[in-house]
Protein backbone atom coordinates (compact mmCIF):
# COMPACT_ATOMS: atom_id res chain seq x y z
CA MET A 1 90.03 146.69 108.85
CA SER A 2 91.93 147.19 111.75
CA GLN A 3 90.17 144.96 115.18
CA LYS A 4 90.02 148.76 116.76
CA ASN A 5 87.38 150.00 114.33
CA ARG A 6 85.46 146.13 113.66
CA GLY A 7 82.20 145.76 115.68
CA GLY A 8 82.26 149.74 116.24
CA ALA A 9 79.61 152.05 115.10
CA LEU A 10 79.99 152.09 111.74
CA ASP A 11 79.28 148.47 111.26
CA LYS A 12 76.55 148.26 114.22
CA ILE A 13 74.50 151.39 112.08
CA LYS A 14 74.80 149.07 108.67
CA ALA A 15 73.89 146.09 110.26
CA SER A 16 71.05 147.69 111.34
CA LYS A 17 70.25 149.28 107.98
CA HIS A 18 70.85 145.87 106.35
CA LYS A 19 67.96 144.33 108.93
CA LEU A 20 65.33 147.65 108.24
CA ASP A 21 65.79 146.73 104.54
CA ALA A 22 65.44 143.13 104.93
CA THR A 23 61.98 143.92 106.85
CA THR A 24 60.67 145.91 104.50
CA ARG A 25 61.59 143.89 101.90
CA GLU A 26 59.87 140.85 103.35
CA GLN A 27 56.82 143.25 104.93
CA LYS A 28 56.02 144.43 101.45
CA LYS A 29 56.64 140.97 100.07
CA LEU A 30 53.51 139.75 102.28
CA LEU A 31 51.31 142.48 101.81
CA LYS A 32 51.86 141.98 97.97
CA GLU A 33 50.24 138.54 98.19
CA ALA A 34 47.61 139.55 100.37
CA LYS A 35 46.49 141.95 98.17
CA ASN A 36 47.06 139.80 94.78
CA GLU A 37 44.72 136.96 96.68
CA LEU A 38 42.43 140.10 97.23
CA SER A 39 41.91 140.76 93.34
CA ALA A 40 41.64 136.72 92.61
CA VAL A 41 39.13 136.22 94.91
CA THR A 42 37.31 139.56 93.54
CA LYS A 43 37.99 138.67 89.84
CA LYS A 44 37.14 135.07 90.52
CA HIS A 45 33.55 136.33 92.18
CA GLU A 46 32.92 138.99 89.30
CA LYS A 47 33.68 136.14 86.58
CA GLN A 48 31.30 133.97 88.10
CA ILE A 49 28.29 136.59 88.13
CA LYS A 50 29.29 137.59 84.75
CA GLU A 51 28.71 133.76 83.34
CA CYS A 52 25.29 133.34 85.10
CA ARG A 53 24.46 136.88 83.70
CA ASP A 54 25.64 135.36 79.65
CA GLN A 55 23.34 132.00 80.95
CA ILE A 56 20.08 134.41 81.28
CA GLU A 57 20.54 135.57 78.89
CA LYS A 58 21.67 133.06 76.51
CA ALA A 59 18.09 130.89 77.60
CA TRP A 60 16.54 134.33 76.48
CA ASP A 61 18.22 133.64 73.25
CA ASP A 62 16.68 129.90 72.51
CA VAL A 63 13.03 131.93 72.97
CA SER A 64 14.04 134.93 70.84
CA GLY A 65 17.02 134.34 69.12
CA HIS A 66 17.59 135.10 65.46
CA VAL A 67 16.72 132.02 63.20
CA LYS A 68 17.58 132.70 59.58
CA THR A 69 17.09 135.75 56.98
CA VAL A 70 16.28 135.59 53.67
CA GLY A 71 15.55 138.79 51.53
CA GLY A 72 14.12 141.05 53.20
CA ILE A 73 12.09 138.17 55.48
CA ALA A 74 14.33 137.82 59.14
CA LEU A 75 13.08 135.16 61.18
CA TYR A 76 13.69 134.82 65.21
CA GLY A 77 12.29 132.86 67.86
CA ASP A 78 9.05 134.55 68.28
CA GLN A 79 8.67 136.98 65.31
CA ILE A 80 9.03 137.77 62.10
CA ILE A 81 9.94 140.45 60.63
CA ALA A 82 8.74 141.49 57.25
CA ASP A 83 7.69 144.58 54.80
CA LYS A 84 9.29 146.24 57.76
CA LYS A 85 6.52 144.75 60.14
CA THR A 86 6.93 142.87 63.20
CA ILE A 87 4.37 139.74 63.70
CA PRO A 88 4.72 137.79 66.35
CA LEU A 89 4.35 134.23 66.01
CA SER A 90 1.71 131.99 66.85
CA VAL A 91 0.29 128.58 66.61
CA ASP A 92 -2.89 130.22 64.20
CA MET A 93 -0.25 132.09 61.65
CA GLU A 94 -0.86 131.38 57.79
CA ILE A 95 2.58 131.61 56.05
CA GLU A 96 2.96 130.45 52.66
CA VAL A 97 5.33 130.70 49.23
CA HIS A 98 3.77 131.90 46.03
CA SER A 99 5.73 131.30 42.88
CA GLY A 100 4.43 131.56 39.06
CA GLY A 101 5.98 132.47 35.60
CA ASN A 102 8.16 130.66 33.17
CA VAL A 103 11.83 130.71 32.27
CA TYR A 104 12.33 130.90 28.10
CA SER A 105 14.37 131.24 25.45
CA GLU A 106 14.44 134.01 22.63
CA THR A 107 17.13 133.39 19.70
CA THR A 108 17.24 136.64 17.50
CA VAL A 109 18.94 136.05 14.04
CA LYS A 110 20.16 138.34 11.25
CA GLY A 111 22.01 137.69 8.22
CA GLY A 112 22.75 138.02 4.15
CA GLY A 113 21.81 136.48 1.29
CA THR A 114 20.48 132.44 0.91
CA SER A 115 23.16 129.39 0.86
CA ILE A 116 21.53 126.28 -0.07
CA THR A 117 24.44 124.07 1.55
CA GLY A 118 24.12 125.78 4.44
CA ALA A 119 20.52 125.53 4.44
CA VAL A 120 20.15 121.72 4.26
CA ILE A 121 23.02 121.26 6.57
CA GLY A 122 21.60 123.27 9.42
CA GLY A 123 18.36 121.78 8.74
CA ALA A 124 20.03 118.69 9.14
CA ILE A 125 21.68 119.50 12.65
CA ALA A 126 18.97 121.95 14.31
CA GLY A 127 15.49 121.66 12.18
CA PRO A 128 13.99 124.61 10.53
CA VAL A 129 15.25 127.40 12.56
CA GLY A 130 18.62 125.64 11.73
CA ALA A 131 17.84 125.57 8.02
CA VAL A 132 16.79 129.35 8.23
CA VAL A 133 19.94 130.17 10.20
CA GLY A 134 22.56 127.83 8.34
CA GLY A 135 21.00 128.93 4.82
CA ARG A 136 22.20 132.63 4.99
CA LYS A 137 25.75 134.15 4.28
CA GLY A 138 26.79 136.43 7.03
CA VAL A 139 24.17 135.32 9.62
CA LYS A 140 24.58 136.24 13.26
CA SER A 141 22.21 135.26 16.00
CA LYS A 142 21.94 136.16 19.84
CA SER A 143 19.76 134.32 22.31
CA GLU A 144 18.77 135.80 25.41
CA VAL A 145 17.12 133.95 28.75
CA GLN A 146 13.75 135.67 29.90
CA ASP A 147 13.02 135.19 33.55
CA GLU A 148 9.41 135.52 33.93
CA ARG A 149 9.10 133.91 37.43
CA LYS A 150 7.62 135.76 40.49
CA LEU A 151 8.28 134.71 44.52
CA PHE A 152 6.00 135.64 47.42
CA VAL A 153 5.59 135.33 50.53
CA SER A 154 2.76 136.05 52.22
CA ILE A 155 2.28 135.94 55.79
CA VAL A 156 -1.16 136.11 57.93
CA SER A 157 -1.39 136.26 61.72
CA GLY A 158 -4.35 137.28 63.87
CA GLY A 159 -4.78 141.11 62.98
CA ASP A 160 -1.23 141.84 61.39
CA ASN A 161 -0.19 140.46 57.68
CA ALA A 162 2.55 140.98 54.84
CA VAL A 163 3.50 140.35 51.88
CA VAL A 164 6.94 140.31 50.58
CA GLU A 165 8.30 139.90 46.69
CA LEU A 166 11.38 137.68 46.82
CA ASP A 167 14.15 137.46 44.08
CA PRO A 168 12.94 133.61 42.01
CA LYS A 169 16.47 132.39 42.85
CA PHE A 170 16.03 132.31 46.95
CA GLU A 171 12.63 130.18 46.29
CA LEU A 172 14.22 126.97 48.14
CA ASP A 173 15.61 129.47 50.71
CA ALA A 174 12.46 131.10 51.31
CA ARG A 175 10.55 127.36 51.56
CA LYS A 176 13.15 126.31 54.12
CA LEU A 177 12.20 129.70 55.97
CA VAL A 178 8.36 129.24 56.09
CA ALA A 179 8.93 125.66 57.51
CA GLU A 180 11.28 126.84 60.37
CA ALA A 181 8.59 129.41 60.75
CA LYS A 182 6.10 126.98 61.62
CA SER A 183 8.40 125.16 63.69
CA GLN A 184 9.38 128.02 65.71
CA ALA A 185 5.75 128.90 65.86
CA SER A 186 4.39 125.31 67.04
CA THR A 187 7.49 125.42 69.45
CA LEU A 188 7.43 128.31 71.21
CA GLU A 189 4.97 128.05 74.01
CA ALA A 190 7.51 124.95 74.80
CA ARG A 191 10.21 127.14 74.98
CA LYS A 192 8.91 129.77 76.65
CA ARG A 193 7.88 127.70 79.50
CA THR A 194 11.59 125.98 79.57
CA ALA A 195 13.11 129.25 79.22
CA ASP A 196 11.24 130.58 81.78
CA GLU A 197 11.87 127.78 84.36
CA LYS A 198 15.80 127.97 83.64
CA VAL A 199 16.17 131.54 84.06
CA ALA A 200 14.15 131.50 87.57
CA GLU A 201 16.96 129.43 88.53
CA LEU A 202 19.64 131.26 87.02
CA SER A 203 18.42 134.08 88.79
CA ALA A 204 18.16 132.38 92.38
CA ARG A 205 21.64 131.47 91.61
CA LEU A 206 22.74 135.22 90.46
CA HIS A 207 20.84 136.51 93.82
CA ASP A 208 22.62 134.26 95.83
CA LEU A 209 26.31 135.11 94.34
CA GLU A 210 25.87 138.80 94.35
CA GLU A 211 24.81 138.67 98.25
CA ASP A 212 27.67 136.24 99.29
CA THR A 213 30.56 138.21 99.41
CA SER A 214 32.06 136.27 102.48
CA GLU A 215 34.69 134.94 100.84
CA ILE A 216 35.75 138.66 99.19
CA ASP A 217 35.30 139.51 102.94
CA MET A 218 37.68 137.06 104.64
CA ALA A 219 40.15 138.46 101.74
CA LYS A 220 39.95 141.89 102.23
CA LYS A 221 40.23 141.39 106.27
CA ARG A 222 43.12 139.55 106.17
CA CYS A 223 44.58 142.17 103.48
CA ASP A 224 43.63 145.13 105.90
CA GLU A 225 45.30 142.86 109.10
CA GLN A 226 48.34 142.64 106.97
CA GLU A 227 48.91 145.95 105.90
CA ARG A 228 49.01 146.93 109.81
CA LEU A 229 51.61 144.30 110.34
CA THR A 230 53.51 145.80 107.51
CA GLU A 231 52.96 149.11 108.35
CA LYS A 232 54.04 148.00 112.57
CA ALA A 233 57.03 146.11 111.68
CA ILE A 234 58.17 148.37 109.31
CA LYS A 235 57.61 151.56 111.82
CA GLU A 236 59.37 149.36 114.48
CA ALA A 237 62.37 148.52 112.58
CA ARG A 238 62.73 152.07 111.26
CA ALA A 239 62.52 153.67 114.92
CA ALA A 240 65.24 150.60 116.16
CA HIS A 241 67.64 151.72 113.73
CA LYS A 242 67.38 155.65 114.32
CA ALA A 243 67.34 154.79 118.04
CA LEU A 244 70.83 152.80 116.99
CA LYS A 245 72.27 156.07 115.05
CA ASN A 246 71.34 158.46 118.13
CA SER A 247 72.60 155.86 120.26
CA PHE A 248 76.49 156.56 119.22
CA ASP A 249 78.27 160.08 119.84
CA PRO A 250 78.79 161.85 116.71
CA GLN A 251 82.35 162.12 117.37
CA GLN A 252 82.89 158.22 117.87
CA ILE A 253 81.33 158.01 114.26
CA THR A 254 83.67 160.68 112.81
CA GLU A 255 86.44 159.12 114.24
CA GLU A 256 85.94 155.71 112.75
CA LYS A 257 85.39 157.29 109.35
CA LYS A 258 88.54 159.06 109.75
CA ALA A 259 90.21 155.56 110.76
CA ARG A 260 89.08 153.90 108.00
CA ARG A 261 90.36 156.35 105.58
CA SER A 262 93.30 156.51 107.20
CA GLU A 263 93.25 152.64 107.38
CA SER A 264 92.17 152.48 103.38
CA VAL A 265 94.95 154.91 102.60
CA SER A 266 97.66 152.41 104.29
CA LYS A 267 96.37 149.03 102.84
CA THR A 268 96.36 150.99 99.22
CA LEU A 269 100.28 151.95 99.87
CA MET A 270 101.20 148.42 100.96
CA VAL A 271 99.70 147.51 97.99
CA CYS A 272 101.87 149.78 96.02
CA GLY A 273 104.39 148.93 97.88
CA PHE A 274 104.37 145.33 97.01
CA VAL A 275 104.06 146.27 93.60
CA PHE A 276 106.79 148.72 92.89
CA GLY A 277 108.89 146.83 95.14
CA ALA A 278 108.45 143.59 92.40
CA LEU A 279 108.55 145.74 89.56
CA PHE A 280 112.02 147.84 90.55
CA ALA A 281 113.58 144.70 91.39
CA LEU A 282 112.64 143.04 87.69
CA LEU A 283 113.93 146.12 86.02
CA GLY A 284 117.06 146.32 88.43
CA ILE A 285 118.03 142.52 87.45
CA ASN A 286 117.66 143.44 83.98
CA GLU A 287 120.01 146.51 84.59
CA MET A 288 122.43 144.50 85.34
CA THR A 289 122.65 141.55 83.38
CA SER A 290 120.97 142.56 79.95
CA VAL A 291 122.07 146.48 79.79
CA PRO A 292 126.00 147.48 79.16
CA ASP A 293 127.36 149.68 82.15
CA GLY A 294 123.49 149.26 83.73
CA ALA A 295 125.25 147.95 87.07
CA VAL A 296 124.83 151.31 88.60
CA ALA A 297 121.02 151.68 87.52
CA GLY A 298 120.53 148.30 88.50
CA VAL A 299 122.06 148.51 91.96
CA ILE A 300 119.78 151.86 92.48
CA LEU A 301 116.37 150.38 91.34
CA LEU A 302 117.11 146.86 93.37
CA LEU A 303 117.95 149.40 96.84
CA LEU A 304 113.95 150.92 95.91
CA ALA A 305 112.55 147.74 95.47
CA ASP A 306 113.85 147.02 98.97
CA LEU A 307 113.28 149.96 100.47
CA LEU A 308 109.84 149.29 99.21
CA LEU A 309 109.56 145.44 99.79
CA VAL A 310 110.36 145.92 103.16
CA LYS A 311 107.76 148.74 104.11
CA ALA A 312 105.13 147.12 102.73
CA THR A 313 106.22 143.55 104.76
CA LYS A 314 106.45 145.62 107.68
CA ALA A 315 103.02 147.06 107.25
CA LEU A 316 101.63 143.81 106.44
CA ARG A 317 103.42 142.31 109.66
CA ASP A 318 102.06 145.19 111.84
CA ARG A 319 98.37 144.96 110.00
CA LYS A 320 98.59 140.95 111.25
CA ALA A 321 99.86 141.42 114.74
CA LEU A 322 96.52 144.30 115.64
CA GLU A 323 94.32 141.35 114.40
CA THR A 324 96.31 138.52 116.36
CA ASP A 325 95.80 140.92 119.23
CA GLY A 326 92.32 141.76 119.02
CA GLU A 327 91.65 138.06 118.86
C-alpha cells in the first residue's frame, strides 16, 4: 500500500470496526460471567432448600418408614398392615406366631413275586420294610413328603385384630417380624419425640432459607447492572463507529478503494514480471546452450526476460521511493 493511502479513511474505518467488535466481545463476556454467577447462586440456594426438605422427610421415615415385609404382612415404624387392615402400633398390642402340624414321609411299594434272597438282604439292611421290598421281584417304590404344618400370625391392638396365614417355610422370618414389631411399638413414642424435635429444627432452618434471598438479590443486581453497562458500552461503540464512517466524504472512500484496487493490480503485475522474467531468462539460456540452432530463440527470450525484469524492478523502486518520501 502506498503512503498516500496508508492511514486513510478505509484504515480508520477498519480500526474503528475492530474496536467495536472487541468492545462487543468483552462486554458480552462480562455479561455472561454475571449471568453464570446468578445461576450458580440460585442453584446453590435451591439445593440447600431441597436438602433441608429431604432431611425433614427422612426424619419422619424414622417414625413411619417401611421396616420389613413377610408374606402378606408389612411392618412400618408406626403401623402394621395385615389382612388388608392397617393397625397402629401401640405398647399394648399383642402379636404372636402360632405354628402346628408335622412333616412326614409316605412310601408306596409295588412289585411282583417273592424273592427269599432279596428279602433276607433287604431285611438285613432296612428291617421289615426292606425285607418286603427286597423280597419282591420287579419291585417299585415311591416316597412322598407330607407337610401338614400350619403357620399363623395373630395381631390384637385395641379394637383392631387380624390373623394371617403364612407359608410354613417363613416361620423364622415371621418370628423376626413379630420381634421387630414389638420393638418398634415400644420405641414409637420416643422416636416421635425425637422426630418432632428434629423436624421443628429443620423447619425453622427451611423457613430461614426460603426467606433469605439476599445473596440471590445481590447477584441479580450485579447482573442487571452489568447488562445495563454492556448495552451502553456497545451502543456507544456502535455510535462512534457510525460517526467515524459518516465523517468521511463518500467520494474520498470511493477514490481510496479505486487506488487500492489499482495498487493491488500493480503489485500483482510486478510479481508476475519478476516470475516470468526469471522464467524467460532460464528458457533463453537453455535455448542458447542446449538446443541446436537455438541462438535466435534464446536471444528473444532473454530480451523478453530483460524487459519484464526491468519493468518489475522499476515498479519496485518507485514503490519504495513513495514509501520513503512519506516517512
